[in-house]
Structures are given as structure tokens and as C-alpha cells.
Amino acid sequence: MISSMYTNAGLISMPYPIAVFGYALLEETRPRKEFWGWIRNYTIALLFLKFLANLSILEPLFNSDSF
């Protein structure tokens, strides 16, 4: 999570260090299952959105030369 923020710094990857330093390290024992489920679902959604953005079918929507 920390390396993700270091290599891909941006607003989308900000929840990772906030989750690690703001919640996971402050827990008395270990983070609950819900925390890991939230992180897993966020990561899956992020990967899916990045995959969709890289599809060649959607390229004309993001290409500024098409206007």
C-alpha cells in the first residue's frame, strides 16, 4: 500500500496510506475483517476502473484530438 502511494501518487491512491497509518496501525490488536474487506474491494474497483480506462474502445472519449 505504501509503495502504491509512492509510485502512483494521486488522489485515487490516497486512501491506502490513510488506511494504513490512520486506522490499521492505531488498532489495539489487528485490523478487523471489515477493514481488509474494504481495502480489497477498493483495490478491485480501482483496478477495474483503470482497466476500463485503458480499453481501446473507450480511447476516443479520452482523446483530445477527436474534437
C-alpha atoms as a PDB file:
ATOM      1  CA  MET A   1       0.000   0.000   0.000  1.00  0.00           C
ATOM      2  CA  ILE A   2       2.824   2.373   0.798  1.00  0.00           C
ATOM      3  CA  SER A   3       4.674   1.562  -2.430  1.00  0.00           C
ATOM      4  CA  SER A   4       1.456   2.162  -4.383  1.00  0.00           C
ATOM      5  CA  MET A   5       1.255   5.666  -2.983  1.00  0.00           C
ATOM      6  CA  TYR A   6       4.950   6.243  -3.650  1.00  0.00           C
ATOM      7  CA  THR A   7       4.818   5.163  -7.294  1.00  0.00           C
ATOM      8  CA  ASN A   8       1.302   6.362  -8.205  1.00  0.00           C
ATOM      9  CA  ALA A   9       0.869   9.460  -6.093  1.00  0.00           C
ATOM     10  CA  GLY A  10      -2.559  10.951  -6.594  1.00  0.00           C
ATOM     11  CA  LEU A  11      -5.971  11.387  -5.054  1.00  0.00           C
ATOM     12  CA  ILE A  12      -7.048   7.893  -6.088  1.00  0.00           C
ATOM     13  CA  SER A  13      -4.267   6.217  -4.136  1.00  0.00           C
ATOM     14  CA  MET A  14      -4.604   8.441  -1.037  1.00  0.00           C
ATOM     15  CA  PRO A  15      -6.918   6.022   0.839  1.00  0.00           C
ATOM     16  CA  TYR A  16      -4.074   3.488   1.126  1.00  0.00           C
ATOM     17  CA  PRO A  17      -1.724   5.482   3.386  1.00  0.00           C
ATOM     18  CA  ILE A  18      -4.688   6.941   5.256  1.00  0.00           C
ATOM     19  CA  ALA A  19      -5.971   3.416   5.896  1.00  0.00           C
ATOM     20  CA  VAL A  20      -2.569   2.110   6.942  1.00  0.00           C
ATOM     21  CA  PHE A  21      -1.445   4.986   9.155  1.00  0.00           C
ATOM     22  CA  GLY A  22      -4.835   6.335  10.174  1.00  0.00           C
ATOM     23  CA  TYR A  23      -6.540   3.128  11.131  1.00  0.00           C
ATOM     24  CA  ALA A  24      -4.553  -0.101  10.834  1.00  0.00           C
ATOM     25  CA  LEU A  25      -1.576   0.961  12.932  1.00  0.00           C
ATOM     26  CA  LEU A  26      -3.789   2.526  15.604  1.00  0.00           C
ATOM     27  CA  GLU A  27      -5.789  -0.638  16.244  1.00  0.00           C
ATOM     28  CA  GLU A  28      -5.166  -2.344  19.574  1.00  0.00           C
ATOM     29  CA  THR A  29      -4.616  -5.787  18.074  1.00  0.00           C
ATOM     30  CA  ARG A  30      -5.142  -6.480  14.387  1.00  0.00           C
ATOM     31  CA  PRO A  31      -7.492  -4.710  11.997  1.00  0.00           C
ATOM     32  CA  ARG A  32     -10.894  -6.374  11.737  1.00  0.00           C
ATOM     33  CA  LYS A  33     -12.076  -8.410   8.758  1.00  0.00           C
ATOM     34  CA  GLU A  34     -14.207  -5.487   7.593  1.00  0.00           C
ATOM     35  CA  PHE A  35     -11.096  -3.336   7.163  1.00  0.00           C
ATOM     36  CA  TRP A  36      -9.415  -5.891   4.922  1.00  0.00           C
ATOM     37  CA  GLY A  37     -12.646  -6.405   3.014  1.00  0.00           C
ATOM     38  CA  TRP A  38     -12.914  -2.663   2.396  1.00  0.00           C
ATOM     39  CA  ILE A  39      -9.299  -2.471   1.208  1.00  0.00           C
ATOM     40  CA  ARG A  40      -9.790  -5.497  -1.053  1.00  0.00           C
ATOM     41  CA  ASN A  41     -12.992  -4.110  -2.600  1.00  0.00           C
ATOM     42  CA  TYR A  42     -11.429  -0.676  -3.117  1.00  0.00           C
ATOM     43  CA  THR A  43      -8.413  -2.240  -4.840  1.00  0.00           C
ATOM     44  CA  ILE A  44     -10.594  -4.392  -7.100  1.00  0.00           C
ATOM     45  CA  ALA A  45     -12.737  -1.404  -8.056  1.00  0.00           C
ATOM     46  CA  LEU A  46      -9.642   0.697  -8.739  1.00  0.00           C
ATOM     47  CA  LEU A  47      -8.090  -1.997 -10.941  1.00  0.00           C
ATOM     48  CA  PHE A  48     -11.360  -2.449 -12.815  1.00  0.00           C
ATOM     49  CA  LEU A  49     -11.692   1.290 -13.492  1.00  0.00           C
ATOM     50  CA  LYS A  50      -8.077   1.509 -14.669  1.00  0.00           C
ATOM     51  CA  PHE A  51      -8.694  -1.478 -16.948  1.00  0.00           C
ATOM     52  CA  LEU A  52     -11.778   0.177 -18.435  1.00  0.00           C
ATOM     53  CA  ALA A  53      -9.896   3.432 -18.985  1.00  0.00           C
ATOM     54  CA  ASN A  54      -7.205   1.572 -20.966  1.00  0.00           C
ATOM     55  CA  LEU A  55      -9.574  -0.177 -23.371  1.00  0.00           C
ATOM     56  CA  SER A  56      -9.098   0.887 -26.977  1.00  0.00           C
ATOM     57  CA  ILE A  57     -12.881   1.100 -27.456  1.00  0.00           C
ATOM     58  CA  LEU A  58     -13.088   3.972 -24.972  1.00  0.00           C
ATOM     59  CA  GLU A  59      -9.994   5.764 -26.285  1.00  0.00           C
ATOM     60  CA  PRO A  60     -11.953   8.318 -28.384  1.00  0.00           C
ATOM     61  CA  LEU A  61     -13.703   9.506 -25.239  1.00  0.00           C
ATOM     62  CA  PHE A  62     -10.405  10.424 -23.577  1.00  0.00           C
ATOM     63  CA  ASN A  63      -8.508  11.546 -26.686  1.00  0.00           C
ATOM     64  CA  SER A  64      -8.434  15.348 -27.094  1.00  0.00           C
ATOM     65  CA  ASP A  65      -7.634  15.074 -30.846  1.00  0.00           C
ATOM     66  CA  SER A  66     -11.156  13.855 -31.616  1.00  0.00           C
ATOM     67  CA  PHE A  67     -12.705  17.317 -31.103  1.00  0.00           C
END
